[in-house]
Amino acid sequence: MRTLDMSSYRPYRSMGETCLTRPIREKTVRWVQPQPRRSQDGRFVGRPLARADIEAAAELWRHAYPELYGSSHDFMLYPEDYESRMILVETWPEDSLTKPGCMLVVEEIATGRLAAASFMTKFDRNLQIEWTFAGTHPEYRRLGLMGLLGGMMAWMSKVSGAEYLTTFLETWHTITQAETLKMGKGWQLAGIFPGNFTRWAKDQQEYRACEIYMYRFINDGDKYATKPSEWQLHPELQRVWQALADFNRRLAERE
């Protein structure tokens, strides 16, 4: 990493008194290749994306998440964009540190069809992984495939060196909202962002969608996070934070 002599500068306000601090260093998040996992009924297998999957994966996302068309995430719909952005089985050793994106797919073993997929994005310097997308082909919904993918994503995140996870839930998809709130698993509500992403409506029309943002700490990341007692919030914002904290406490009690 590049370094500067910062000894003659001062932060705007002294912070970090309520948490651990550490020397700034080169920070990396590593994609560790997971072993394939079979579904409980043996019908499906979850595994990392391979080069031979690319065309089928792009077609899967067009069925599962067509709302991405025209958005900053629509590279998921174009197979020609995959190799530059995503780690593949064939190049895993070389790309485990450098490729920002990781896609997992669920294959129906008997037919070889891709039934579902997920996508994660890493941010090295923030030691963060975003659980960016998960989608199921309409013909394979309500079969528990998100549970299979979620277990693999959780394992990969844990061993990656990341310490902060984020995700967002679409406000038009109440199933993922219900499942996330039901399982908890350390996820906490961060906020609701109206108009956060452009999304496809139909034909060549789009709108701005509202997203529900969630976060969670892993690998002791919370030890380096400033605590509320150190924050300086406007009284109105303090009330908002208290409402969030109360909600997240109830969410944690469900686990």
C-alpha atoms as a PDB file:
ATOM      1  CA  MET A   1       0.000   0.000   0.000  1.00  0.00           C
ATOM      2  CA  ARG A   2       1.057   3.606  -0.471  1.00  0.00           C
ATOM      3  CA  THR A   3       2.129   5.438   2.683  1.00  0.00           C
ATOM      4  CA  LEU A   4       2.298   9.065   3.773  1.00  0.00           C
ATOM      5  CA  ASP A   5       3.958  10.703   6.757  1.00  0.00           C
ATOM      6  CA  MET A   6       0.817  11.818   8.620  1.00  0.00           C
ATOM      7  CA  SER A   7       2.571  12.939  11.803  1.00  0.00           C
ATOM      8  CA  SER A   8       1.923  16.640  11.172  1.00  0.00           C
ATOM      9  CA  TYR A   9      -1.838  16.190  10.642  1.00  0.00           C
ATOM     10  CA  ARG A  10      -4.708  15.705  13.077  1.00  0.00           C
ATOM     11  CA  PRO A  11      -8.176  14.141  12.743  1.00  0.00           C
ATOM     12  CA  TYR A  12     -11.111  16.536  12.961  1.00  0.00           C
ATOM     13  CA  ARG A  13     -12.076  14.922  16.260  1.00  0.00           C
ATOM     14  CA  SER A  14     -10.279  12.317  18.326  1.00  0.00           C
ATOM     15  CA  MET A  15     -12.089   9.021  17.879  1.00  0.00           C
ATOM     16  CA  GLY A  16     -11.450   5.344  18.571  1.00  0.00           C
ATOM     17  CA  GLU A  17     -11.560   5.648  22.361  1.00  0.00           C
ATOM     18  CA  THR A  18     -14.302   3.039  22.789  1.00  0.00           C
ATOM     19  CA  CYS A  19     -12.805   0.354  20.542  1.00  0.00           C
ATOM     20  CA  LEU A  20      -9.547  -1.279  19.611  1.00  0.00           C
ATOM     21  CA  THR A  21      -7.265   0.366  17.059  1.00  0.00           C
ATOM     22  CA  ARG A  22      -4.469  -1.148  14.972  1.00  0.00           C
ATOM     23  CA  PRO A  23      -1.723  -0.037  12.607  1.00  0.00           C
ATOM     24  CA  ILE A  24      -2.807   0.703   9.057  1.00  0.00           C
ATOM     25  CA  ARG A  25      -1.568  -2.100   6.840  1.00  0.00           C
ATOM     26  CA  GLU A  26      -2.135  -3.767   3.508  1.00  0.00           C
ATOM     27  CA  LYS A  27      -5.612  -5.276   3.734  1.00  0.00           C
ATOM     28  CA  THR A  28      -6.923  -8.030   1.487  1.00  0.00           C
ATOM     29  CA  VAL A  29      -9.985 -10.225   1.342  1.00  0.00           C
ATOM     30  CA  ARG A  30      -9.311 -13.644  -0.171  1.00  0.00           C
ATOM     31  CA  TRP A  31     -11.828 -15.802  -1.996  1.00  0.00           C
ATOM     32  CA  VAL A  32     -11.327 -19.301  -0.596  1.00  0.00           C
ATOM     33  CA  GLN A  33     -12.703 -21.927  -2.954  1.00  0.00           C
ATOM     34  CA  PRO A  34     -15.580 -23.874  -1.388  1.00  0.00           C
ATOM     35  CA  GLN A  35     -16.220 -27.544  -1.895  1.00  0.00           C
ATOM     36  CA  PRO A  36     -19.400 -28.362  -3.828  1.00  0.00           C
ATOM     37  CA  ARG A  37     -22.400 -28.945  -1.561  1.00  0.00           C
ATOM     38  CA  ARG A  38     -25.424 -31.065  -2.349  1.00  0.00           C
ATOM     39  CA  SER A  39     -28.945 -30.180  -1.351  1.00  0.00           C
ATOM     40  CA  GLN A  40     -30.557 -32.363   1.285  1.00  0.00           C
ATOM     41  CA  ASP A  41     -32.593 -34.249  -1.299  1.00  0.00           C
ATOM     42  CA  GLY A  42     -29.531 -34.774  -3.516  1.00  0.00           C
ATOM     43  CA  ARG A  43     -31.211 -33.131  -6.483  1.00  0.00           C
ATOM     44  CA  PHE A  44     -28.965 -30.055  -6.651  1.00  0.00           C
ATOM     45  CA  VAL A  45     -25.335 -29.143  -6.101  1.00  0.00           C
ATOM     46  CA  GLY A  46     -23.991 -25.722  -5.178  1.00  0.00           C
ATOM     47  CA  ARG A  47     -20.556 -24.838  -6.537  1.00  0.00           C
ATOM     48  CA  PRO A  48     -18.422 -21.923  -7.782  1.00  0.00           C
ATOM     49  CA  LEU A  49     -18.869 -20.538 -11.271  1.00  0.00           C
ATOM     50  CA  ALA A  50     -16.863 -22.199 -14.057  1.00  0.00           C
ATOM     51  CA  ARG A  51     -16.063 -20.782 -17.470  1.00  0.00           C
ATOM     52  CA  ALA A  52     -18.473 -23.228 -19.106  1.00  0.00           C
ATOM     53  CA  ASP A  53     -21.318 -21.802 -16.982  1.00  0.00           C
ATOM     54  CA  ILE A  54     -21.031 -18.192 -18.111  1.00  0.00           C
ATOM     55  CA  GLU A  55     -23.636 -18.135 -20.893  1.00  0.00           C
ATOM     56  CA  ALA A  56     -26.107 -20.110 -18.784  1.00  0.00           C
ATOM     57  CA  ALA A  57     -25.452 -17.941 -15.731  1.00  0.00           C
ATOM     58  CA  ALA A  58     -26.200 -14.721 -17.628  1.00  0.00           C
ATOM     59  CA  GLU A  59     -29.403 -16.282 -18.949  1.00  0.00           C
ATOM     60  CA  LEU A  60     -30.332 -17.389 -15.422  1.00  0.00           C
ATOM     61  CA  TRP A  61     -30.005 -13.834 -14.097  1.00  0.00           C
ATOM     62  CA  ARG A  62     -32.158 -12.514 -16.963  1.00  0.00           C
ATOM     63  CA  HIS A  63     -34.952 -14.773 -15.679  1.00  0.00           C
ATOM     64  CA  ALA A  64     -34.261 -14.460 -11.949  1.00  0.00           C
ATOM     65  CA  TYR A  65     -33.381 -10.769 -11.662  1.00  0.00           C
ATOM     66  CA  PRO A  66     -34.260  -8.922 -14.888  1.00  0.00           C
ATOM     67  CA  GLU A  67     -34.674  -5.737 -12.844  1.00  0.00           C
ATOM     68  CA  LEU A  68     -30.883  -5.339 -13.119  1.00  0.00           C
ATOM     69  CA  TYR A  69     -31.159  -4.292 -16.768  1.00  0.00           C
ATOM     70  CA  GLY A  70     -29.861  -0.752 -17.256  1.00  0.00           C
ATOM     71  CA  SER A  71     -28.507  -0.516 -13.708  1.00  0.00           C
ATOM     72  CA  SER A  72     -24.960  -0.356 -12.385  1.00  0.00           C
ATOM     73  CA  HIS A  73     -25.273  -4.102 -11.812  1.00  0.00           C
ATOM     74  CA  ASP A  74     -26.411  -5.126 -15.281  1.00  0.00           C
ATOM     75  CA  PHE A  75     -23.044  -6.725 -16.041  1.00  0.00           C
ATOM     76  CA  MET A  76     -24.698  -9.813 -14.528  1.00  0.00           C
ATOM     77  CA  LEU A  77     -26.799 -10.058 -17.689  1.00  0.00           C
ATOM     78  CA  TYR A  78     -23.887  -9.873 -20.167  1.00  0.00           C
ATOM     79  CA  PRO A  79     -21.642 -12.953 -20.437  1.00  0.00           C
ATOM     80  CA  GLU A  80     -18.831 -10.961 -22.040  1.00  0.00           C
ATOM     81  CA  ASP A  81     -18.372  -9.052 -18.753  1.00  0.00           C
ATOM     82  CA  TYR A  82     -17.934 -12.077 -16.508  1.00  0.00           C
ATOM     83  CA  GLU A  83     -14.258 -12.981 -16.788  1.00  0.00           C
ATOM     84  CA  SER A  84     -13.000  -9.473 -16.063  1.00  0.00           C
ATOM     85  CA  ARG A  85     -15.101  -9.137 -12.917  1.00  0.00           C
ATOM     86  CA  MET A  86     -15.534 -12.618 -11.413  1.00  0.00           C
ATOM     87  CA  ILE A  87     -13.329 -15.361 -10.135  1.00  0.00           C
ATOM     88  CA  LEU A  88     -13.675 -18.663 -11.990  1.00  0.00           C
ATOM     89  CA  VAL A  89     -12.810 -22.203 -10.948  1.00  0.00           C
ATOM     90  CA  GLU A  90     -10.205 -22.391 -13.704  1.00  0.00           C
ATOM     91  CA  THR A  91      -8.319 -19.288 -12.511  1.00  0.00           C
ATOM     92  CA  TRP A  92      -8.978 -19.475  -8.777  1.00  0.00           C
ATOM     93  CA  PRO A  93      -5.370 -19.550  -7.517  1.00  0.00           C
ATOM     94  CA  GLU A  94      -4.380 -16.508  -9.588  1.00  0.00           C
ATOM     95  CA  ASP A  95      -7.572 -14.512  -9.014  1.00  0.00           C
ATOM     96  CA  SER A  96      -8.423 -15.240  -5.372  1.00  0.00           C
ATOM     97  CA  LEU A  97      -7.059 -11.864  -4.268  1.00  0.00           C
ATOM     98  CA  THR A  98      -7.589  -9.700  -7.347  1.00  0.00           C
ATOM     99  CA  LYS A  99     -11.088 -10.415  -8.708  1.00  0.00           C
ATOM    100  CA  PRO A 100     -13.734  -8.409  -6.819  1.00  0.00           C
ATOM    101  CA  GLY A 101     -16.700 -10.641  -7.664  1.00  0.00           C
ATOM    102  CA  CYS A 102     -17.563 -14.225  -6.760  1.00  0.00           C
ATOM    103  CA  MET A 103     -20.561 -16.109  -8.109  1.00  0.00           C
ATOM    104  CA  LEU A 104     -21.896 -19.385  -6.794  1.00  0.00           C
ATOM    105  CA  VAL A 105     -24.354 -21.425  -8.837  1.00  0.00           C
ATOM    106  CA  VAL A 106     -26.805 -24.216  -8.067  1.00  0.00           C
ATOM    107  CA  GLU A 107     -26.971 -26.930 -10.709  1.00  0.00           C
ATOM    108  CA  GLU A 108     -29.746 -29.471 -11.095  1.00  0.00           C
ATOM    109  CA  ILE A 109     -27.683 -32.648 -11.298  1.00  0.00           C
ATOM    110  CA  ALA A 110     -30.002 -34.679 -13.538  1.00  0.00           C
ATOM    111  CA  THR A 111     -30.366 -31.999 -16.218  1.00  0.00           C
ATOM    112  CA  GLY A 112     -27.258 -29.834 -15.796  1.00  0.00           C
ATOM    113  CA  ARG A 113     -29.463 -26.715 -15.708  1.00  0.00           C
ATOM    114  CA  LEU A 114     -28.550 -23.774 -13.491  1.00  0.00           C
ATOM    115  CA  ALA A 115     -31.420 -23.291 -11.057  1.00  0.00           C
ATOM    116  CA  ALA A 116     -30.119 -20.493  -8.824  1.00  0.00           C
ATOM    117  CA  ALA A 117     -27.065 -18.344  -8.171  1.00  0.00           C
ATOM    118  CA  SER A 118     -25.621 -15.781  -5.794  1.00  0.00           C
ATOM    119  CA  PHE A 119     -23.042 -13.035  -6.178  1.00  0.00           C
ATOM    120  CA  MET A 120     -20.704 -11.444  -3.631  1.00  0.00           C
ATOM    121  CA  THR A 121     -18.454  -8.391  -3.984  1.00  0.00           C
ATOM    122  CA  LYS A 122     -15.337  -7.759  -1.888  1.00  0.00           C
ATOM    123  CA  PHE A 123     -13.807  -4.444  -0.839  1.00  0.00           C
ATOM    124  CA  ASP A 124     -10.273  -5.151   0.302  1.00  0.00           C
ATOM    125  CA  ARG A 125      -9.335  -1.949   2.099  1.00  0.00           C
ATOM    126  CA  ASN A 126     -12.558  -1.998   4.097  1.00  0.00           C
ATOM    127  CA  LEU A 127     -12.242  -5.734   4.844  1.00  0.00           C
ATOM    128  CA  GLN A 128     -15.816  -5.995   3.637  1.00  0.00           C
ATOM    129  CA  ILE A 129     -17.912  -8.396   1.609  1.00  0.00           C
ATOM    130  CA  GLU A 130     -21.255  -7.383   0.161  1.00  0.00           C
ATOM    131  CA  TRP A 131     -23.750 -10.164  -0.364  1.00  0.00           C
ATOM    132  CA  THR A 132     -24.853  -8.452  -3.530  1.00  0.00           C
ATOM    133  CA  PHE A 133     -27.415 -10.753  -5.142  1.00  0.00           C
ATOM    134  CA  ALA A 134     -29.173 -14.063  -4.932  1.00  0.00           C
ATOM    135  CA  GLY A 135     -31.692 -15.262  -7.476  1.00  0.00           C
ATOM    136  CA  THR A 136     -33.618 -18.378  -8.447  1.00  0.00           C
ATOM    137  CA  HIS A 137     -35.003 -19.311 -11.850  1.00  0.00           C
ATOM    138  CA  PRO A 138     -38.827 -19.073 -11.735  1.00  0.00           C
ATOM    139  CA  GLU A 139     -39.137 -22.808 -12.404  1.00  0.00           C
ATOM    140  CA  TYR A 140     -37.104 -23.683  -9.294  1.00  0.00           C
ATOM    141  CA  ARG A 141     -38.432 -21.307  -6.650  1.00  0.00           C
ATOM    142  CA  ARG A 142     -39.606 -22.436  -3.191  1.00  0.00           C
ATOM    143  CA  LEU A 143     -37.180 -25.392  -3.142  1.00  0.00           C
ATOM    144  CA  GLY A 144     -34.833 -24.088  -0.430  1.00  0.00           C
ATOM    145  CA  LEU A 145     -31.977 -23.312  -2.795  1.00  0.00           C
ATOM    146  CA  MET A 146     -31.190 -20.008  -1.064  1.00  0.00           C
ATOM    147  CA  GLY A 147     -30.408 -21.955   2.097  1.00  0.00           C
ATOM    148  CA  LEU A 148     -27.844 -24.014   0.190  1.00  0.00           C
ATOM    149  CA  LEU A 149     -26.220 -20.898  -1.259  1.00  0.00           C
ATOM    150  CA  GLY A 150     -26.416 -18.989   2.014  1.00  0.00           C
ATOM    151  CA  GLY A 151     -24.473 -21.664   3.860  1.00  0.00           C
ATOM    152  CA  MET A 152     -21.702 -21.560   1.272  1.00  0.00           C
ATOM    153  CA  MET A 153     -21.596 -17.753   1.301  1.00  0.00           C
ATOM    154  CA  ALA A 154     -21.387 -17.677   5.097  1.00  0.00           C
ATOM    155  CA  TRP A 155     -18.464 -20.121   5.090  1.00  0.00           C
ATOM    156  CA  MET A 156     -16.598 -18.219   2.383  1.00  0.00           C
ATOM    157  CA  SER A 157     -17.114 -14.918   4.204  1.00  0.00           C
ATOM    158  CA  LYS A 158     -15.861 -16.340   7.492  1.00  0.00           C
ATOM    159  CA  VAL A 159     -12.584 -17.652   6.053  1.00  0.00           C
ATOM    160  CA  SER A 160     -11.977 -14.696   3.715  1.00  0.00           C
ATOM    161  CA  GLY A 161     -10.400 -12.352   6.258  1.00  0.00           C
ATOM    162  CA  ALA A 162     -13.335  -9.939   5.956  1.00  0.00           C
ATOM    163  CA  GLU A 163     -14.801  -8.497   9.142  1.00  0.00           C
ATOM    164  CA  TYR A 164     -17.846  -6.617   7.858  1.00  0.00           C
ATOM    165  CA  LEU A 165     -20.754  -7.906   5.772  1.00  0.00           C
ATOM    166  CA  THR A 166     -23.461  -5.868   4.068  1.00  0.00           C
ATOM    167  CA  THR A 167     -26.469  -6.777   1.985  1.00  0.00           C
ATOM    168  CA  PHE A 168     -29.604  -5.126   0.660  1.00  0.00           C
ATOM    169  CA  LEU A 169     -33.136  -6.412   0.228  1.00  0.00           C
ATOM    170  CA  GLU A 170     -35.490  -5.304  -2.501  1.00  0.00           C
ATOM    171  CA  THR A 171     -38.706  -3.703  -1.271  1.00  0.00           C
ATOM    172  CA  TRP A 172     -40.663  -5.605  -3.907  1.00  0.00           C
ATOM    173  CA  HIS A 173     -39.466  -8.994  -2.660  1.00  0.00           C
ATOM    174  CA  THR A 174     -41.074  -9.676   0.706  1.00  0.00           C
ATOM    175  CA  ILE A 175     -39.928 -13.316   0.783  1.00  0.00           C
ATOM    176  CA  THR A 176     -36.260 -12.395   1.232  1.00  0.00           C
ATOM    177  CA  GLN A 177     -37.263  -9.775   3.772  1.00  0.00           C
ATOM    178  CA  ALA A 178     -39.194 -12.344   5.800  1.00  0.00           C
ATOM    179  CA  GLU A 179     -36.454 -14.970   5.554  1.00  0.00           C
ATOM    180  CA  THR A 180     -33.713 -12.523   6.590  1.00  0.00           C
ATOM    181  CA  LEU A 181     -35.686 -11.240   9.554  1.00  0.00           C
ATOM    182  CA  LYS A 182     -36.684 -14.760  10.552  1.00  0.00           C
ATOM    183  CA  MET A 183     -33.200 -16.204  10.582  1.00  0.00           C
ATOM    184  CA  GLY A 184     -31.373 -13.219  12.071  1.00  0.00           C
ATOM    185  CA  LYS A 185     -27.904 -14.811  12.076  1.00  0.00           C
ATOM    186  CA  GLY A 186     -26.291 -11.599  13.287  1.00  0.00           C
ATOM    187  CA  TRP A 187     -27.734  -9.391  10.552  1.00  0.00           C
ATOM    188  CA  GLN A 188     -28.899  -5.965  11.698  1.00  0.00           C
ATOM    189  CA  LEU A 189     -30.958  -3.304  10.010  1.00  0.00           C
ATOM    190  CA  ALA A 190     -28.928  -0.315   8.842  1.00  0.00           C
ATOM    191  CA  GLY A 191     -31.656   1.695   7.128  1.00  0.00           C
ATOM    192  CA  ILE A 192     -34.091   1.998   4.242  1.00  0.00           C
ATOM    193  CA  PHE A 193     -32.796   3.873   1.208  1.00  0.00           C
ATOM    194  CA  PRO A 194     -35.551   5.199  -1.109  1.00  0.00           C
ATOM    195  CA  GLY A 195     -34.520   5.433  -4.767  1.00  0.00           C
ATOM    196  CA  ASN A 196     -31.128   3.864  -4.160  1.00  0.00           C
ATOM    197  CA  PHE A 197     -30.783   1.889  -7.418  1.00  0.00           C
ATOM    198  CA  THR A 198     -32.236   2.166 -10.878  1.00  0.00           C
ATOM    199  CA  ARG A 199     -34.262  -0.903 -11.778  1.00  0.00           C
ATOM    200  CA  TRP A 200     -35.916  -2.158 -14.956  1.00  0.00           C
ATOM    201  CA  ALA A 201     -39.716  -1.980 -15.085  1.00  0.00           C
ATOM    202  CA  LYS A 202     -40.479  -3.447 -18.526  1.00  0.00           C
ATOM    203  CA  ASP A 203     -39.644  -2.789 -22.161  1.00  0.00           C
ATOM    204  CA  GLN A 204     -37.144   0.111 -22.040  1.00  0.00           C
ATOM    205  CA  GLN A 205     -38.564   1.706 -18.881  1.00  0.00           C
ATOM    206  CA  GLU A 206     -36.893   2.088 -15.490  1.00  0.00           C
ATOM    207  CA  TYR A 207     -37.559   3.498 -12.041  1.00  0.00           C
ATOM    208  CA  ARG A 208     -35.565   4.126  -8.845  1.00  0.00           C
ATOM    209  CA  ALA A 209     -36.033   1.289  -6.335  1.00  0.00           C
ATOM    210  CA  CYS A 210     -35.978   1.478  -2.560  1.00  0.00           C
ATOM    211  CA  GLU A 211     -33.522  -0.865  -0.792  1.00  0.00           C
ATOM    212  CA  ILE A 212     -33.378  -2.196   2.772  1.00  0.00           C
ATOM    213  CA  TYR A 213     -29.780  -2.288   3.969  1.00  0.00           C
ATOM    214  CA  MET A 214     -28.496  -4.823   6.487  1.00  0.00           C
ATOM    215  CA  TYR A 215     -25.057  -5.338   8.039  1.00  0.00           C
ATOM    216  CA  ARG A 216     -23.215  -7.661  10.391  1.00  0.00           C
ATOM    217  CA  PHE A 217     -19.771  -8.020  11.926  1.00  0.00           C
ATOM    218  CA  ILE A 218     -17.685 -11.199  11.610  1.00  0.00           C
ATOM    219  CA  ASN A 219     -14.153 -12.159  12.638  1.00  0.00           C
ATOM    220  CA  ASP A 220     -14.060  -9.687  15.563  1.00  0.00           C
ATOM    221  CA  GLY A 221     -14.744  -6.686  13.351  1.00  0.00           C
ATOM    222  CA  ASP A 222     -16.994  -5.252  16.055  1.00  0.00           C
ATOM    223  CA  LYS A 223     -13.982  -4.874  18.360  1.00  0.00           C
ATOM    224  CA  TYR A 224     -12.649  -2.144  16.052  1.00  0.00           C
ATOM    225  CA  ALA A 225     -15.984  -0.342  15.654  1.00  0.00           C
ATOM    226  CA  THR A 226     -16.638   2.815  17.676  1.00  0.00           C
ATOM    227  CA  LYS A 227     -19.438   2.438  20.205  1.00  0.00           C
ATOM    228  CA  PRO A 228     -22.534   4.659  20.441  1.00  0.00           C
ATOM    229  CA  SER A 229     -21.206   6.309  23.595  1.00  0.00           C
ATOM    230  CA  GLU A 230     -18.469   7.875  21.467  1.00  0.00           C
ATOM    231  CA  TRP A 231     -20.706   9.138  18.703  1.00  0.00           C
ATOM    232  CA  GLN A 232     -21.923  12.704  18.601  1.00  0.00           C
ATOM    233  CA  LEU A 233     -25.433  12.565  17.168  1.00  0.00           C
ATOM    234  CA  HIS A 234     -27.940  15.346  16.810  1.00  0.00           C
ATOM    235  CA  PRO A 235     -30.852  14.657  19.220  1.00  0.00           C
ATOM    236  CA  GLU A 236     -33.192  13.835  16.321  1.00  0.00           C
ATOM    237  CA  LEU A 237     -30.661  11.365  14.917  1.00  0.00           C
ATOM    238  CA  GLN A 238     -30.134   9.916  18.374  1.00  0.00           C
ATOM    239  CA  ARG A 239     -33.828   9.015  18.478  1.00  0.00           C
ATOM    240  CA  VAL A 240     -33.539   7.359  15.075  1.00  0.00           C
ATOM    241  CA  TRP A 241     -30.521   5.356  16.252  1.00  0.00           C
ATOM    242  CA  GLN A 242     -32.345   4.278  19.403  1.00  0.00           C
ATOM    243  CA  ALA A 243     -35.253   3.007  17.331  1.00  0.00           C
ATOM    244  CA  LEU A 244     -32.840   1.025  15.144  1.00  0.00           C
ATOM    245  CA  ALA A 245     -31.041  -0.363  18.192  1.00  0.00           C
ATOM    246  CA  ASP A 246     -34.341  -1.472  19.734  1.00  0.00           C
ATOM    247  CA  PHE A 247     -35.378  -3.168  16.482  1.00  0.00           C
ATOM    248  CA  ASN A 248     -32.028  -4.940  16.126  1.00  0.00           C
ATOM    249  CA  ARG A 249     -32.149  -6.132  19.716  1.00  0.00           C
ATOM    250  CA  ARG A 250     -35.529  -7.762  19.046  1.00  0.00           C
ATOM    251  CA  LEU A 251     -34.114  -9.260  15.845  1.00  0.00           C
ATOM    252  CA  ALA A 252     -31.205 -10.782  17.770  1.00  0.00           C
ATOM    253  CA  GLU A 253     -33.610 -12.341  20.261  1.00  0.00           C
ATOM    254  CA  ARG A 254     -35.077 -14.431  17.418  1.00  0.00           C
ATOM    255  CA  GLU A 255     -31.803 -16.242  16.792  1.00  0.00           C
END
